[in-house]
Amino acid sequence: MQKLLSEKSDFQSYLDILKIPPVRSIRCNTLKLTPQDLKTRLENKTWKIKQPWKNHPEIMVVEGKIIDQNQIDKETINRKRRDNKNVVIGNVENLQPGELGKALEHLLGYYYIQELASMLPIITLNSESGGFILDLCSAPGSKTTQAAAEIKNTRTIIANEVSLGRIKILASNLERCGVTNTIITKKEGTALCKRLKKQNFQFDTILVDAPCSGEGTLRSSPKTYLMWNIKTIKNLPKIQKNLVTSALEILKPNGTLIYSTCTHAPEENEGVINEILKENKNLKLEKIKLPIKPRPGITNWEDKKYSKEITKCARIYPQDNNTEGFFIAKLKKTK
């Protein structure tokens, strides 16, 4: 990370944000209720709700639970304030562990617990033209359910996942959220694309949220650091590139492919996209519009030089927006 964040203050800001727990973010499931209705319900539970992105009221941060000072004695409040695990600031108390997931509103599918940066790939699509959608690596279903809500259960989504255990979680989330336009398939991603190609099946929109080293998830999953190794960084780009290459073969002309990872490693991000562009002259990168502050894709990494077009990709760093780390590229097939 020090090589990526060359300025000392920038790297220090990155280290500092890793010490702070990530915000508790949720996405209102607009298939079942409006953002305002959900906000009202949650505030009636004394939850303090913030909507951080002006044009996306469905995205919310649960800052904690407001303490009613008329119903609790000052000594108890002061004791809670001394315990950093209990009180965030002032009279706002942290939710109990698991409280977000156990809430009735969650069980009813009124909201989906999802990290802020993870919501960005579907926002990037911006409810583009009709036709079929393929979510190639879909479990546990955060982006599939988000896409279904964006298009109001119209069109058809193919949600693919190779792991049977993860498919069960995916199916449960789709049912909980009232998603009715989605077909689940179980196949390795490249194999599925080859099979669909033989059947002359094409998609207007494809999402490849690729398996990655997960460097961007250190705030919520510190064990990622313990599992990290350079061998993984060297092996994953081949898998990621194969997934994108296979997906492009079933993408319609003028179709859109979103490639995303939750890692910072250029080998898995700009390196993959640069190779894809070199091998596919009928592709172009599109500039990405996001409700947060992204940084452009990098064009130099160690001994590698990437196309200037790569700057149209988006890098999301935790210290810039109080999120986890992410990378997004938006590819358009020209013919």
Protein backbone atom coordinates (compact mmCIF):
# COMPACT_ATOMS: atom_id res chain seq x y z
CA MET A 1 0.00 0.00 0.00
CA GLN A 2 2.90 2.36 0.60
CA LYS A 3 3.79 2.09 -3.08
CA LEU A 4 0.23 2.96 -4.07
CA LEU A 5 -0.11 5.78 -1.55
CA SER A 6 3.22 7.48 -2.12
CA GLU A 7 2.49 10.54 0.03
CA LYS A 8 3.32 9.85 3.65
CA SER A 9 0.22 11.66 4.95
CA ASP A 10 -2.02 9.67 2.58
CA PHE A 11 -0.62 6.36 3.75
CA GLN A 12 -0.97 7.43 7.38
CA SER A 13 -4.60 8.37 6.76
CA TYR A 14 -5.11 4.89 5.33
CA LEU A 15 -3.57 3.27 8.41
CA ASP A 16 -5.66 5.47 10.70
CA ILE A 17 -8.97 4.56 9.04
CA LEU A 18 -8.19 0.86 9.39
CA LYS A 19 -8.30 1.31 13.16
CA ILE A 20 -11.86 2.61 13.00
CA PRO A 21 -14.74 0.11 12.62
CA PRO A 22 -16.64 0.53 9.33
CA VAL A 23 -19.98 2.30 9.38
CA ARG A 24 -23.13 0.20 9.63
CA SER A 25 -24.68 0.71 6.21
CA ILE A 26 -27.92 -0.67 4.83
CA ARG A 27 -29.80 -0.39 1.54
CA CYS A 28 -33.55 0.12 1.56
CA ASN A 29 -35.27 -2.55 -0.52
CA THR A 30 -37.47 -0.38 -2.71
CA LEU A 31 -39.32 -3.46 -3.96
CA LYS A 32 -41.12 -3.44 -0.61
CA LEU A 33 -41.23 0.14 0.68
CA THR A 34 -39.92 3.65 0.09
CA PRO A 35 -36.73 4.97 1.71
CA GLN A 36 -38.79 7.47 3.70
CA ASP A 37 -41.06 4.73 5.03
CA LEU A 38 -38.06 2.66 6.12
CA LYS A 39 -36.36 5.66 7.69
CA THR A 40 -39.50 6.42 9.68
CA ARG A 41 -39.81 2.82 10.87
CA LEU A 42 -36.19 2.68 12.00
CA GLU A 43 -36.34 6.07 13.69
CA ASN A 44 -39.39 4.84 15.60
CA LYS A 45 -37.05 2.16 16.98
CA THR A 46 -34.87 5.08 18.20
CA TRP A 47 -32.22 4.28 15.58
CA LYS A 48 -30.28 7.30 14.33
CA ILE A 49 -30.35 7.19 10.52
CA LYS A 50 -28.20 9.14 8.09
CA GLN A 51 -28.61 9.20 4.29
CA PRO A 52 -25.08 10.02 3.10
CA TRP A 53 -25.65 10.25 -0.67
CA LYS A 54 -28.05 12.97 -1.79
CA ASN A 55 -29.33 11.29 -4.96
CA HIS A 56 -29.58 7.84 -3.37
CA PRO A 57 -31.98 8.07 -0.40
CA GLU A 58 -32.24 4.28 -0.35
CA ILE A 59 -28.70 4.10 1.03
CA MET A 60 -28.51 4.64 4.77
CA VAL A 61 -26.05 4.56 7.63
CA VAL A 62 -27.24 3.44 11.06
CA GLU A 63 -25.21 5.59 13.43
CA GLY A 64 -26.59 3.99 16.58
CA LYS A 65 -29.50 4.08 18.97
CA ILE A 66 -30.61 7.31 20.64
CA ILE A 67 -30.70 7.13 24.43
CA ASP A 68 -33.86 8.59 25.95
CA GLN A 69 -32.39 10.59 28.83
CA ASN A 70 -35.83 10.82 30.43
CA GLN A 71 -35.95 7.04 30.86
CA ILE A 72 -32.43 6.34 32.05
CA ASP A 73 -30.56 7.78 35.00
CA LYS A 74 -27.51 10.02 34.54
CA GLU A 75 -25.21 7.58 36.31
CA THR A 76 -26.02 4.84 33.77
CA ILE A 77 -25.49 7.24 30.86
CA ASN A 78 -22.13 8.34 32.23
CA ARG A 79 -21.10 4.72 32.73
CA LYS A 80 -22.02 3.94 29.14
CA ARG A 81 -20.09 6.99 27.95
CA ARG A 82 -16.99 5.74 29.74
CA ASP A 83 -17.30 2.46 27.85
CA ASN A 84 -16.21 3.23 24.28
CA LYS A 85 -17.89 0.05 23.05
CA ASN A 86 -21.30 1.32 24.06
CA VAL A 87 -21.58 4.96 23.10
CA VAL A 88 -20.55 6.53 19.81
CA ILE A 89 -20.98 10.17 20.75
CA GLY A 90 -23.24 12.21 22.98
CA ASN A 91 -26.48 10.33 23.58
CA VAL A 92 -26.13 7.87 20.68
CA GLU A 93 -25.43 4.30 21.75
CA ASN A 94 -24.00 1.58 19.51
CA LEU A 95 -26.36 -1.15 18.39
CA GLN A 96 -25.81 -4.51 20.00
CA PRO A 97 -23.82 -7.08 17.96
CA GLY A 98 -26.16 -8.69 15.43
CA GLU A 99 -28.97 -6.21 16.08
CA LEU A 100 -29.08 -5.08 12.45
CA GLY A 101 -29.55 -8.64 11.24
CA LYS A 102 -32.06 -9.63 13.92
CA ALA A 103 -34.36 -6.64 13.42
CA LEU A 104 -37.86 -7.40 12.14
CA GLU A 105 -37.35 -4.99 9.23
CA HIS A 106 -34.35 -7.01 8.07
CA LEU A 107 -36.15 -10.34 8.40
CA LEU A 108 -39.04 -8.92 6.35
CA GLY A 109 -36.64 -7.89 3.60
CA TYR A 110 -37.16 -4.16 4.08
CA TYR A 111 -33.41 -3.59 3.96
CA TYR A 112 -30.21 -5.35 2.96
CA ILE A 113 -27.07 -5.04 5.08
CA GLN A 114 -24.40 -4.00 2.59
CA GLU A 115 -21.13 -2.10 2.75
CA LEU A 116 -21.26 1.31 1.08
CA ALA A 117 -18.56 0.69 -1.54
CA SER A 118 -20.21 -2.61 -2.48
CA MET A 119 -23.29 -0.68 -3.63
CA LEU A 120 -21.36 1.34 -6.21
CA PRO A 121 -21.13 -1.14 -9.14
CA ILE A 122 -24.92 -1.27 -9.56
CA ILE A 123 -25.17 2.51 -9.13
CA THR A 124 -22.62 2.73 -11.95
CA LEU A 125 -25.04 0.92 -14.27
CA ASN A 126 -27.62 3.64 -13.62
CA SER A 127 -30.57 1.46 -14.76
CA GLU A 128 -29.30 1.26 -18.30
CA SER A 129 -31.26 -0.04 -21.32
CA GLY A 130 -33.47 -3.13 -21.20
CA GLY A 131 -32.69 -6.76 -21.89
CA PHE A 132 -31.10 -9.57 -19.93
CA ILE A 133 -28.68 -9.08 -17.03
CA LEU A 134 -26.01 -11.58 -15.95
CA ASP A 135 -24.48 -11.46 -12.47
CA LEU A 136 -21.65 -13.91 -13.05
CA CYS A 137 -20.41 -14.25 -9.44
CA SER A 138 -23.58 -13.40 -7.58
CA ALA A 139 -23.62 -14.86 -4.04
CA PRO A 140 -24.56 -13.81 -1.43
CA GLY A 141 -26.88 -11.64 -3.52
CA SER A 142 -26.17 -8.05 -2.48
CA LYS A 143 -25.72 -6.79 -6.03
CA THR A 144 -28.40 -9.08 -7.50
CA THR A 145 -31.02 -7.80 -5.07
CA GLN A 146 -29.84 -4.23 -5.65
CA ALA A 147 -30.14 -4.64 -9.43
CA ALA A 148 -33.61 -6.18 -9.09
CA ALA A 149 -34.73 -3.21 -7.01
CA GLU A 150 -33.21 -0.73 -9.49
CA ILE A 151 -35.21 -2.24 -12.36
CA LYS A 152 -38.31 -2.88 -10.20
CA ASN A 153 -38.31 -6.65 -10.87
CA THR A 154 -38.64 -6.08 -14.62
CA ARG A 155 -36.29 -7.68 -17.19
CA THR A 156 -34.59 -10.96 -16.31
CA ILE A 157 -31.48 -11.50 -14.18
CA ILE A 158 -29.36 -14.64 -14.34
CA ALA A 159 -27.59 -14.98 -10.99
CA ASN A 160 -24.75 -17.48 -11.25
CA GLU A 161 -22.79 -19.03 -8.41
CA VAL A 162 -20.48 -22.05 -8.35
CA SER A 163 -20.79 -22.93 -4.64
CA LEU A 164 -23.89 -24.84 -3.52
CA GLY A 165 -23.56 -23.50 0.03
CA ARG A 166 -23.46 -19.93 -1.22
CA ILE A 167 -26.38 -20.60 -3.57
CA LYS A 168 -28.53 -21.43 -0.55
CA ILE A 169 -27.66 -18.04 0.96
CA LEU A 170 -28.31 -16.34 -2.40
CA ALA A 171 -31.72 -18.00 -2.77
CA SER A 172 -32.66 -17.06 0.79
CA ASN A 173 -31.76 -13.41 0.22
CA LEU A 174 -33.67 -13.25 -3.07
CA GLU A 175 -36.77 -14.69 -1.40
CA ARG A 176 -36.46 -12.42 1.64
CA CYS A 177 -36.19 -9.34 -0.57
CA GLY A 178 -39.10 -10.27 -2.84
CA VAL A 179 -36.99 -10.67 -5.99
CA THR A 180 -39.10 -12.43 -8.65
CA ASN A 181 -37.23 -11.75 -11.89
CA THR A 182 -34.11 -13.84 -11.21
CA ILE A 183 -33.00 -17.31 -12.31
CA ILE A 184 -30.19 -18.96 -10.32
CA THR A 185 -27.60 -21.06 -12.13
CA LYS A 186 -24.83 -23.19 -10.62
CA LYS A 187 -21.75 -23.35 -12.81
CA GLU A 188 -18.16 -22.14 -12.89
CA GLY A 189 -18.26 -18.71 -14.53
CA THR A 190 -16.21 -19.35 -17.67
CA ALA A 191 -17.97 -22.69 -18.26
CA LEU A 192 -21.38 -21.01 -18.01
CA CYS A 193 -20.38 -18.36 -20.55
CA LYS A 194 -19.13 -21.02 -23.00
CA ARG A 195 -22.36 -22.97 -22.66
CA LEU A 196 -24.50 -19.88 -23.20
CA LYS A 197 -22.39 -18.92 -26.22
CA LYS A 198 -23.08 -22.31 -27.82
CA GLN A 199 -26.78 -21.60 -27.33
CA ASN A 200 -26.39 -18.14 -28.94
CA PHE A 201 -27.55 -16.48 -25.74
CA GLN A 202 -26.47 -12.87 -25.20
CA PHE A 203 -26.81 -10.27 -22.45
CA ASP A 204 -27.24 -6.50 -22.51
CA THR A 205 -25.60 -6.07 -19.10
CA ILE A 206 -23.04 -8.23 -17.31
CA LEU A 207 -21.61 -7.79 -13.83
CA VAL A 208 -18.33 -9.51 -12.97
CA ASP A 209 -17.74 -8.93 -9.27
CA ALA A 210 -14.65 -11.09 -9.42
CA PRO A 211 -13.08 -13.25 -6.72
CA CYS A 212 -10.10 -11.30 -5.41
CA SER A 213 -7.53 -10.99 -2.63
CA GLY A 214 -9.92 -8.78 -0.63
CA GLU A 215 -7.40 -6.13 0.44
CA GLY A 216 -10.18 -3.55 0.59
CA THR A 217 -12.04 -5.42 3.33
CA LEU A 218 -9.42 -5.09 6.08
CA ARG A 219 -11.64 -2.82 8.21
CA SER A 220 -14.45 -5.34 8.52
CA SER A 221 -12.35 -8.49 8.16
CA PRO A 222 -8.86 -8.13 9.70
CA LYS A 223 -8.24 -11.84 9.05
CA THR A 224 -7.79 -10.87 5.38
CA TYR A 225 -4.36 -9.56 6.37
CA LEU A 226 -3.40 -12.93 7.85
CA MET A 227 -4.58 -14.79 4.73
CA TRP A 228 -2.84 -12.44 2.28
CA ASN A 229 0.14 -13.71 0.30
CA ILE A 230 1.93 -12.68 -2.89
CA LYS A 231 1.13 -16.02 -4.55
CA THR A 232 -2.57 -15.17 -4.44
CA ILE A 233 -1.93 -11.81 -6.12
CA LYS A 234 -0.02 -13.58 -8.90
CA ASN A 235 -2.60 -16.33 -9.46
CA LEU A 236 -5.88 -14.41 -9.32
CA PRO A 237 -5.43 -12.13 -12.39
CA LYS A 238 -5.56 -15.15 -14.72
CA ILE A 239 -8.86 -16.26 -13.19
CA GLN A 240 -10.25 -12.72 -13.29
CA LYS A 241 -9.20 -12.16 -16.89
CA ASN A 242 -10.72 -15.48 -17.98
CA LEU A 243 -14.03 -14.55 -16.37
CA VAL A 244 -14.15 -11.19 -18.16
CA THR A 245 -13.00 -12.61 -21.50
CA SER A 246 -15.65 -15.34 -21.37
CA ALA A 247 -18.34 -12.85 -20.36
CA LEU A 248 -17.49 -10.52 -23.24
CA GLU A 249 -18.24 -13.32 -25.70
CA ILE A 250 -21.89 -13.30 -24.63
CA LEU A 251 -22.22 -9.51 -24.29
CA LYS A 252 -24.34 -7.89 -26.99
CA PRO A 253 -22.97 -5.08 -29.16
CA ASN A 254 -23.53 -1.81 -27.26
CA GLY A 255 -23.79 -3.87 -24.09
CA THR A 256 -22.15 -2.91 -20.79
CA LEU A 257 -19.87 -4.99 -18.57
CA ILE A 258 -19.00 -3.85 -15.06
CA TYR A 259 -15.85 -5.33 -13.55
CA SER A 260 -15.34 -4.85 -9.83
CA THR A 261 -13.17 -6.12 -7.00
CA CYS A 262 -12.78 -5.34 -3.31
CA THR A 263 -8.99 -5.18 -3.53
CA HIS A 264 -6.36 -2.49 -4.10
CA ALA A 265 -3.87 -4.68 -5.99
CA PRO A 266 -3.20 -3.19 -9.47
CA GLU A 267 -2.43 -6.68 -10.79
CA GLU A 268 -6.07 -7.63 -10.15
CA ASN A 269 -7.52 -4.31 -11.28
CA GLU A 270 -5.83 -2.08 -13.86
CA GLY A 271 -3.60 -4.96 -14.98
CA VAL A 272 -6.59 -7.14 -15.84
CA ILE A 273 -8.48 -4.36 -17.62
CA ASN A 274 -5.40 -3.26 -19.56
CA GLU A 275 -4.91 -6.80 -20.92
CA ILE A 276 -8.60 -7.03 -21.82
CA LEU A 277 -8.43 -3.75 -23.77
CA LYS A 278 -5.32 -4.86 -25.65
CA GLU A 279 -6.98 -8.08 -26.76
CA ASN A 280 -10.40 -6.63 -27.60
CA LYS A 281 -10.40 -3.70 -30.01
CA ASN A 282 -14.20 -3.54 -29.91
CA LEU A 283 -14.20 -2.33 -26.32
CA LYS A 284 -13.97 1.08 -24.73
CA LEU A 285 -13.80 2.20 -21.14
CA GLU A 286 -16.48 4.63 -20.01
CA LYS A 287 -16.00 7.27 -17.34
CA ILE A 288 -17.75 6.35 -14.13
CA LYS A 289 -20.08 8.69 -12.23
CA LEU A 290 -20.28 7.97 -8.52
CA PRO A 291 -21.85 9.68 -5.49
CA ILE A 292 -18.51 9.57 -3.66
CA LYS A 293 -14.94 10.69 -4.31
CA PRO A 294 -13.12 8.13 -6.49
CA ARG A 295 -9.53 8.26 -7.64
CA PRO A 296 -8.62 7.47 -11.26
CA GLY A 297 -7.10 4.15 -12.23
CA ILE A 298 -3.30 4.18 -12.20
CA THR A 299 -1.24 3.93 -15.39
CA ASN A 300 2.09 2.84 -13.88
CA TRP A 301 2.79 0.01 -11.49
CA GLU A 302 6.24 -1.38 -10.81
CA ASP A 303 7.61 -2.25 -14.28
CA LYS A 304 4.19 -2.10 -15.99
CA LYS A 305 2.71 0.76 -18.00
CA TYR A 306 -1.00 0.81 -18.69
CA SER A 307 -3.09 2.65 -21.28
CA LYS A 308 -4.12 6.21 -20.44
CA GLU A 309 -7.70 4.99 -20.86
CA ILE A 310 -7.29 3.16 -17.56
CA THR A 311 -7.70 6.49 -15.75
CA LYS A 312 -11.45 6.11 -16.48
CA CYS A 313 -11.56 3.31 -13.93
CA ALA A 314 -12.43 4.17 -10.32
CA ARG A 315 -10.34 3.41 -7.25
CA ILE A 316 -12.12 3.70 -3.91
CA TYR A 317 -9.87 4.13 -0.89
CA PRO A 318 -11.22 3.80 2.69
CA GLN A 319 -9.69 7.08 3.89
CA ASP A 320 -11.37 9.14 1.16
CA ASN A 321 -15.01 8.28 1.89
CA ASN A 322 -15.08 6.24 5.10
CA THR A 323 -15.87 3.06 3.16
CA GLU A 324 -14.02 -0.12 2.40
CA GLY A 325 -11.71 -0.34 -0.62
CA PHE A 326 -13.05 -1.06 -4.11
CA PHE A 327 -12.20 -0.93 -7.80
CA ILE A 328 -14.67 -0.49 -10.66
CA ALA A 329 -14.30 -0.49 -14.45
CA LYS A 330 -17.12 0.08 -16.93
CA LEU A 331 -16.62 -1.50 -20.36
CA LYS A 332 -18.77 -0.83 -23.42
CA LYS A 333 -18.81 -3.20 -26.39
CA THR A 334 -18.84 -1.09 -29.53
CA LYS A 335 -19.64 -3.80 -32.07
